[in-house]
Protein backbone atom coordinates (compact mmCIF):
# COMPACT_ATOMS: atom_id res chain seq x y z
CA UNK A 1 13.47 15.07 15.47
CA UNK A 2 11.64 17.18 12.93
CA UNK A 3 7.91 17.03 12.45
CA UNK A 4 8.49 15.54 9.01
CA UNK A 5 10.41 12.58 10.53
CA UNK A 6 7.72 11.98 13.16
CA UNK A 7 5.13 11.51 10.43
CA UNK A 8 7.12 9.06 8.34
CA UNK A 9 5.06 6.00 7.52
CA UNK A 10 6.61 2.58 7.84
CA UNK A 11 5.51 -0.94 7.16
CA UNK A 12 4.75 -3.06 10.22
CA UNK A 13 7.38 -5.79 10.49
CA UNK A 14 8.49 -8.37 13.01
CA UNK A 15 12.14 -7.91 14.00
CA UNK A 16 13.43 -10.52 16.45
CA UNK A 17 16.19 -9.38 18.78
CA UNK A 18 18.51 -12.22 19.82
CA UNK A 19 20.48 -11.79 23.04
CA UNK A 20 24.19 -12.56 22.96
CA UNK A 21 26.63 -12.78 25.86
CA UNK A 22 28.53 -9.67 26.86
CA UNK A 23 32.01 -9.43 25.38
CA UNK A 24 31.21 -11.04 22.01
CA UNK A 25 33.29 -9.54 19.21
CA UNK A 26 32.77 -12.06 16.38
CA UNK A 27 29.27 -12.24 14.88
CA UNK A 28 30.36 -13.49 11.46
CA UNK A 29 28.42 -16.75 11.98
CA UNK A 30 25.23 -15.26 10.55
CA UNK A 31 27.00 -14.11 7.38
CA UNK A 32 28.71 -17.48 6.88
CA UNK A 33 25.72 -19.66 7.84
CA UNK A 34 22.80 -17.81 6.26
CA UNK A 35 24.35 -15.30 3.88
CA UNK A 36 23.13 -12.49 6.13
CA UNK A 37 24.15 -8.93 5.36
CA UNK A 38 25.26 -6.83 8.30
CA UNK A 39 23.25 -3.60 8.12
CA UNK A 40 24.84 -1.78 11.03
CA UNK A 41 26.60 -2.34 14.34
CA UNK A 42 27.19 -0.40 17.54
CA UNK A 43 30.24 -1.56 19.48
CA UNK A 44 31.11 -1.01 23.11
CA UNK A 45 34.32 0.90 23.93
CA UNK A 46 36.17 -2.45 24.30
CA UNK A 47 35.19 -3.46 20.73
CA UNK A 48 32.57 -5.99 21.76
CA UNK A 49 29.15 -5.91 20.14
CA UNK A 50 26.42 -3.94 21.88
CA UNK A 51 23.82 -4.24 19.12
CA UNK A 52 23.88 -5.13 15.44
CA UNK A 53 21.33 -5.56 12.67
CA UNK A 54 21.32 -8.15 9.90
CA UNK A 55 19.18 -8.95 6.89
CA UNK A 56 18.57 -12.36 5.36
CA UNK A 57 16.89 -11.83 1.98
CA UNK A 58 15.26 -8.65 3.27
CA UNK A 59 14.15 -10.09 6.62
CA UNK A 60 15.73 -8.17 9.47
CA UNK A 61 16.86 -9.39 12.87
CA UNK A 62 19.12 -7.94 15.51
CA UNK A 63 21.68 -9.16 17.99
CA UNK A 64 21.83 -7.35 21.32
CA UNK A 65 24.20 -7.70 24.22
CA UNK A 66 22.40 -9.29 27.17
CA UNK A 67 21.20 -7.08 29.97
CA UNK A 68 19.11 -7.13 33.12
CA UNK A 69 15.91 -8.02 31.23
CA UNK A 70 17.28 -10.42 28.63
CA UNK A 71 19.85 -13.14 29.15
CA UNK A 72 21.53 -14.98 26.32
CA UNK A 73 20.89 -18.70 25.88
CA UNK A 74 24.67 -19.09 25.88
CA UNK A 75 24.65 -17.98 29.52
CA UNK A 76 21.47 -19.70 30.68
CA UNK A 77 21.77 -22.90 28.66
CA UNK A 78 18.14 -22.61 27.55
CA UNK A 79 16.14 -20.62 25.05
CA UNK A 80 12.47 -19.67 25.03
CA UNK A 81 12.16 -19.20 21.28
CA UNK A 82 13.08 -21.08 18.13
CA UNK A 83 13.62 -19.05 14.98
CA UNK A 84 12.11 -20.47 11.79
CA UNK A 85 14.01 -19.76 8.59
CA UNK A 86 12.28 -20.74 5.36
CA UNK A 87 14.70 -21.47 2.53
CA UNK A 88 14.76 -23.29 -0.80
CA UNK A 89 17.64 -25.66 0.04
CA UNK A 90 17.24 -26.94 3.60
CA UNK A 91 20.08 -29.45 3.35
CA UNK A 92 22.45 -26.84 1.90
CA UNK A 93 21.69 -24.19 4.52
CA UNK A 94 22.02 -26.67 7.40
CA UNK A 95 25.37 -27.87 6.01
CA UNK A 96 26.54 -24.27 5.59
CA UNK A 97 25.46 -23.43 9.17
CA UNK A 98 27.32 -26.46 10.55
CA UNK A 99 30.45 -25.46 8.62
CA UNK A 100 30.12 -22.00 10.22
CA UNK A 101 29.89 -23.45 13.74
CA UNK A 102 26.29 -24.58 14.33
CA UNK A 103 25.37 -27.87 16.01
CA UNK A 104 22.64 -30.09 14.52
CA UNK A 105 19.84 -30.69 17.01
CA UNK A 106 17.60 -32.55 14.57
CA UNK A 107 18.79 -33.71 11.14
CA UNK A 108 16.96 -32.65 8.01
CA UNK A 109 13.89 -34.79 7.46
CA UNK A 110 10.67 -34.68 5.43
CA UNK A 111 7.59 -34.68 7.66
CA UNK A 112 4.08 -35.98 7.02
CA UNK A 113 2.70 -32.46 7.48
CA UNK A 114 4.39 -31.32 4.28
CA UNK A 115 7.60 -29.69 5.53
CA UNK A 116 11.27 -30.52 5.18
CA UNK A 117 12.96 -29.35 8.37
CA UNK A 118 16.22 -29.53 10.28
CA UNK A 119 17.03 -27.86 13.59
CA UNK A 120 20.35 -26.33 14.58
CA UNK A 121 21.83 -24.43 17.52
CA UNK A 122 24.01 -21.45 16.62
CA UNK A 123 27.25 -20.65 18.49
CA UNK A 124 25.37 -18.23 20.76
CA UNK A 125 22.81 -20.87 21.84
CA UNK A 126 19.88 -19.81 19.64
CA UNK A 127 17.79 -22.58 18.07
CA UNK A 128 16.83 -22.35 14.39
CA UNK A 129 14.44 -24.53 12.39
CA UNK A 130 15.56 -24.43 8.77
CA UNK A 131 12.55 -25.38 6.68
CA UNK A 132 10.77 -25.53 3.37
CA UNK A 133 7.10 -26.24 2.66
CA UNK A 134 7.04 -29.16 0.24
CA UNK A 135 3.28 -29.73 0.03
CA UNK A 136 0.49 -27.34 0.97
CA UNK A 137 -1.92 -30.23 0.37
CA UNK A 138 -0.16 -32.42 2.96
CA UNK A 139 -0.17 -29.55 5.44
CA UNK A 140 -3.88 -28.86 4.92
CA UNK A 141 -4.69 -32.56 5.30
CA UNK A 142 -2.59 -32.83 8.46
CA UNK A 143 -4.15 -29.71 10.03
CA UNK A 144 -7.65 -30.91 9.16
CA UNK A 145 -6.96 -34.25 10.86
CA UNK A 146 -5.83 -32.66 14.12
C-alpha cells in the first residue's frame, strides 16, 4: 500500500455483516426483495459465496460465510440482531420480500409511537423490520410518556 492510500480519508459508516451458511450460491434475494445492488463478491473455489457487498439506496451491507466466530441464524435457528430498513412504501417492500422468499413474522401495522412497521425473516434467517416514520409528533409524545 502506498503512503497516499494510507492517508485516504473516508466517511465513518456502519456496515452490518450478515453471516450466511457455508455453501450458499444464490444471494439474489436481496436484489429481488429490496432492490439491492451487488457491489462485489468473492466466491470460494466451489462457487459458493465467501463474502459479498450490497447497497440499498447507498447504504452498504455485506454477507459473509459463517466461520468460527460467527454462525448464521440459518444454522443456529436464532439471531441476535434485527436489521431496520426505512422505506417509503412499507407494504410494498414487505410484499416484494415475501415474493422473493421472506416469511412474515409480524404483519405491517401502524403503531401508536408513530411508525408503520412489518417484520420479516429472510431465507438465511435474518430478521428485518421494514419501517417508515409516519409522525414525529407521535414519536416524541410516546417517548416523553415513557
